[in-house]
N, C-alpha and C. Protein backbone atom coordinates (compact mmCIF):
# COMPACT_ATOMS: atom_id res chain seq x y z
N MET A 1 -3.53 -7.19 -5.12
CA MET A 1 -4.18 -7.47 -4.10
C MET A 1 -5.35 -8.58 -4.07
N SER A 2 -5.40 -9.54 -4.79
CA SER A 2 -6.50 -10.63 -4.86
C SER A 2 -6.72 -11.60 -3.82
N ARG A 3 -5.08 -11.95 -3.05
CA ARG A 3 -5.30 -13.02 -1.99
C ARG A 3 -5.87 -12.23 -0.88
N THR A 4 -6.44 -12.92 0.39
CA THR A 4 -6.87 -12.63 1.42
C THR A 4 -6.23 -13.44 2.81
N ASP A 5 -5.88 -12.48 3.62
CA ASP A 5 -5.48 -13.42 4.98
C ASP A 5 -6.40 -13.97 5.73
N THR A 6 -6.81 -15.31 6.00
CA THR A 6 -7.82 -16.23 6.61
C THR A 6 -8.25 -15.50 8.01
N ALA A 7 -7.34 -15.15 8.32
CA ALA A 7 -7.35 -14.61 10.12
C ALA A 7 -7.69 -13.25 10.09
N THR A 8 -7.62 -12.34 9.23
CA THR A 8 -8.03 -11.13 9.41
C THR A 8 -9.05 -10.59 8.12
N GLY A 9 -8.95 -11.44 7.21
CA GLY A 9 -10.00 -10.99 6.11
C GLY A 9 -9.41 -10.09 5.31
N ARG A 10 -8.35 -9.51 5.46
CA ARG A 10 -7.47 -8.63 4.42
C ARG A 10 -6.30 -9.19 3.56
N ALA A 11 -6.26 -8.02 2.92
CA ALA A 11 -5.07 -8.60 1.57
C ALA A 11 -3.64 -8.71 2.67
N PRO A 12 -2.87 -9.49 2.25
CA PRO A 12 -1.63 -9.42 2.82
C PRO A 12 -0.98 -8.28 2.57
N ALA A 13 0.06 -7.66 3.43
CA ALA A 13 0.50 -6.65 3.18
C ALA A 13 1.87 -6.89 2.52
N ASN A 14 2.28 -5.98 1.70
CA ASN A 14 3.59 -5.89 0.90
C ASN A 14 3.76 -7.19 0.15
N ALA A 15 2.43 -7.84 -0.42
CA ALA A 15 2.70 -8.90 -1.48
C ALA A 15 2.92 -8.69 -2.99
N GLU A 16 2.96 -7.33 -3.21
CA GLU A 16 2.59 -6.92 -4.91
C GLU A 16 4.42 -5.87 -4.94
N ARG A 17 4.90 -5.56 -5.99
CA ARG A 17 5.79 -4.95 -6.01
C ARG A 17 4.94 -3.22 -6.50
N ARG A 18 3.86 -3.83 -7.44
CA ARG A 18 3.37 -2.43 -7.52
C ARG A 18 1.88 -2.11 -7.21
N TYR A 19 1.44 -1.25 -6.75
CA TYR A 19 -0.09 -0.89 -6.48
C TYR A 19 -0.36 0.25 -7.39
N GLU A 20 -1.78 0.27 -8.01
CA GLU A 20 -2.54 1.34 -8.17
C GLU A 20 -3.14 2.04 -7.22
N VAL A 21 -3.37 3.39 -7.22
CA VAL A 21 -4.19 3.79 -6.33
C VAL A 21 -5.03 5.01 -6.73
N ARG A 22 -5.95 5.35 -6.15
CA ARG A 22 -6.98 6.44 -6.36
C ARG A 22 -6.96 7.60 -5.49
N ARG A 23 -7.43 8.91 -6.00
CA ARG A 23 -7.45 9.88 -5.15
C ARG A 23 -8.34 9.65 -3.76
N ALA A 24 -9.30 8.96 -4.01
CA ALA A 24 -10.03 8.58 -3.10
C ALA A 24 -9.25 7.98 -2.01
N ASP A 25 -8.23 7.12 -2.23
CA ASP A 25 -7.44 6.28 -1.46
C ASP A 25 -6.34 7.12 -0.58
N LEU A 26 -6.33 8.17 -0.70
CA LEU A 26 -5.62 9.45 -0.07
C LEU A 26 -6.09 9.67 1.24
N PRO A 27 -5.27 9.90 2.17
CA PRO A 27 -3.96 9.93 2.10
C PRO A 27 -3.24 8.46 2.03
N LEU A 28 -2.09 8.25 1.59
CA LEU A 28 -1.72 6.78 1.18
C LEU A 28 -0.85 6.09 1.93
N SER A 29 -0.51 5.29 2.58
CA SER A 29 0.37 4.80 3.70
C SER A 29 0.54 3.42 2.96
N CYS A 30 1.72 3.07 3.40
CA CYS A 30 2.21 1.71 3.17
C CYS A 30 2.53 1.00 4.69
N PRO A 31 2.03 -0.13 5.06
CA PRO A 31 0.71 -0.80 4.27
C PRO A 31 -0.55 -0.02 4.33
N THR A 32 -1.15 -0.19 3.59
CA THR A 32 -2.47 0.36 3.26
C THR A 32 -3.33 -0.13 4.49
N PRO A 33 -4.50 0.63 4.85
CA PRO A 33 -5.32 0.21 5.43
C PRO A 33 -6.43 -1.20 5.42
N ALA A 34 -6.09 -1.29 3.89
CA ALA A 34 -6.93 -2.78 3.61
C ALA A 34 -5.81 -3.87 3.87
N MET A 35 -4.69 -3.55 4.16
CA MET A 35 -3.41 -4.68 4.15
C MET A 35 -3.42 -5.12 5.72
N ALA A 36 -3.30 -6.76 5.88
CA ALA A 36 -2.82 -7.08 7.47
C ALA A 36 -1.72 -6.74 7.83
N LEU A 37 -1.69 -5.70 9.32
CA LEU A 37 -0.25 -5.22 9.65
C LEU A 37 0.27 -6.66 10.38
N TRP A 38 -0.20 -7.40 10.83
CA TRP A 38 0.69 -8.42 11.67
C TRP A 38 1.76 -8.74 11.01
N ASN A 39 1.89 -8.73 9.81
CA ASN A 39 3.42 -9.22 9.04
C ASN A 39 4.22 -8.40 8.37
N SER A 40 4.05 -7.12 8.52
CA SER A 40 4.54 -6.00 7.79
C SER A 40 5.12 -5.01 8.88
N HIS A 41 6.11 -4.14 8.10
CA HIS A 41 6.77 -3.35 8.43
C HIS A 41 5.91 -1.99 9.10
N PRO A 42 6.42 -1.25 9.66
CA PRO A 42 5.67 0.02 10.50
C PRO A 42 5.04 0.66 9.30
N ARG A 43 3.89 1.48 9.38
CA ARG A 43 3.08 2.24 8.76
C ARG A 43 3.89 3.84 8.44
N VAL A 44 3.98 3.69 7.10
CA VAL A 44 4.46 5.23 6.59
C VAL A 44 3.71 5.69 5.55
N TYR A 45 3.60 6.97 5.94
CA TYR A 45 2.85 7.70 4.53
C TYR A 45 3.70 8.23 3.44
N LEU A 46 2.94 8.14 2.19
CA LEU A 46 4.04 8.35 1.02
C LEU A 46 2.86 9.56 0.17
N PRO A 47 3.90 10.60 -0.15
CA PRO A 47 3.64 11.70 -0.71
C PRO A 47 3.23 11.38 -2.31
N VAL A 48 2.39 10.80 -2.94
CA VAL A 48 2.11 10.31 -4.03
C VAL A 48 1.64 11.55 -5.12
N GLU A 49 1.10 12.12 -4.29
CA GLU A 49 0.18 13.75 -4.93
C GLU A 49 1.35 14.11 -5.89
N ALA A 50 2.41 14.62 -5.30
CA ALA A 50 3.72 15.50 -5.79
C ALA A 50 3.72 15.07 -7.30
N SER A 51 4.25 13.84 -7.36
CA SER A 51 4.93 13.28 -8.82
C SER A 51 4.16 12.39 -9.29
N GLY A 52 2.97 11.61 -8.83
CA GLY A 52 2.25 10.44 -9.56
C GLY A 52 2.58 9.32 -8.76
N SER A 53 3.59 9.05 -8.35
CA SER A 53 4.27 7.61 -7.80
C SER A 53 5.08 7.93 -6.62
N ALA A 54 5.06 7.04 -5.92
CA ALA A 54 5.91 6.92 -4.47
C ALA A 54 6.42 5.78 -4.03
N THR A 55 7.66 5.73 -3.72
CA THR A 55 8.27 4.16 -3.37
C THR A 55 8.21 4.18 -2.00
N CYS A 56 7.76 3.10 -1.54
CA CYS A 56 7.68 2.82 0.44
C CYS A 56 9.43 2.38 0.34
N PRO A 57 9.90 3.47 1.30
CA PRO A 57 11.29 3.30 1.88
C PRO A 57 11.59 1.76 2.64
N TYR A 58 10.69 1.18 3.13
CA TYR A 58 11.00 0.15 3.85
C TYR A 58 10.88 -1.22 2.83
N CYS A 59 9.75 -1.39 1.98
CA CYS A 59 9.59 -2.22 1.40
C CYS A 59 9.69 -2.30 -0.29
N GLY A 60 9.73 -1.20 -0.58
CA GLY A 60 10.24 -1.17 -2.00
C GLY A 60 9.35 -1.02 -3.00
N ALA A 61 7.75 -1.27 -2.40
CA ALA A 61 6.80 -1.29 -3.11
C ALA A 61 6.58 0.12 -3.58
N VAL A 62 6.07 0.17 -5.22
CA VAL A 62 5.79 1.33 -6.26
C VAL A 62 4.38 1.74 -5.85
N TYR A 63 3.75 2.75 -5.73
CA TYR A 63 2.66 3.19 -5.74
C TYR A 63 2.33 4.50 -6.83
N VAL A 64 1.36 4.13 -8.01
CA VAL A 64 1.43 4.83 -9.01
C VAL A 64 -0.24 5.39 -8.41
N LEU A 65 -0.22 6.74 -8.80
CA LEU A 65 -1.65 7.59 -8.75
C LEU A 65 -2.33 7.33 -9.83
N LYS A 66 -3.62 6.63 -10.21
CA LYS A 66 -4.13 6.37 -11.43
C LYS A 66 -4.99 7.61 -11.62
N ASP A 67 -5.36 8.24 -11.17
CA ASP A 67 -6.41 9.27 -11.62
C ASP A 67 -6.32 10.76 -10.97
């Protein structure tokens, strides 16, 4: 998530296929609060704690719990 949306100052939503998250980022949602919402799907919460990874049913992005 290195790029930012110039209008909002946030990272573009769903720009990557894989994201690493930390326990401090929980509860996990896709798109995350740091992502711009104007060009994305509805926010969905993902249960990454149980298995260490979760896939968004809308965009297919994979979130991996790093710690």
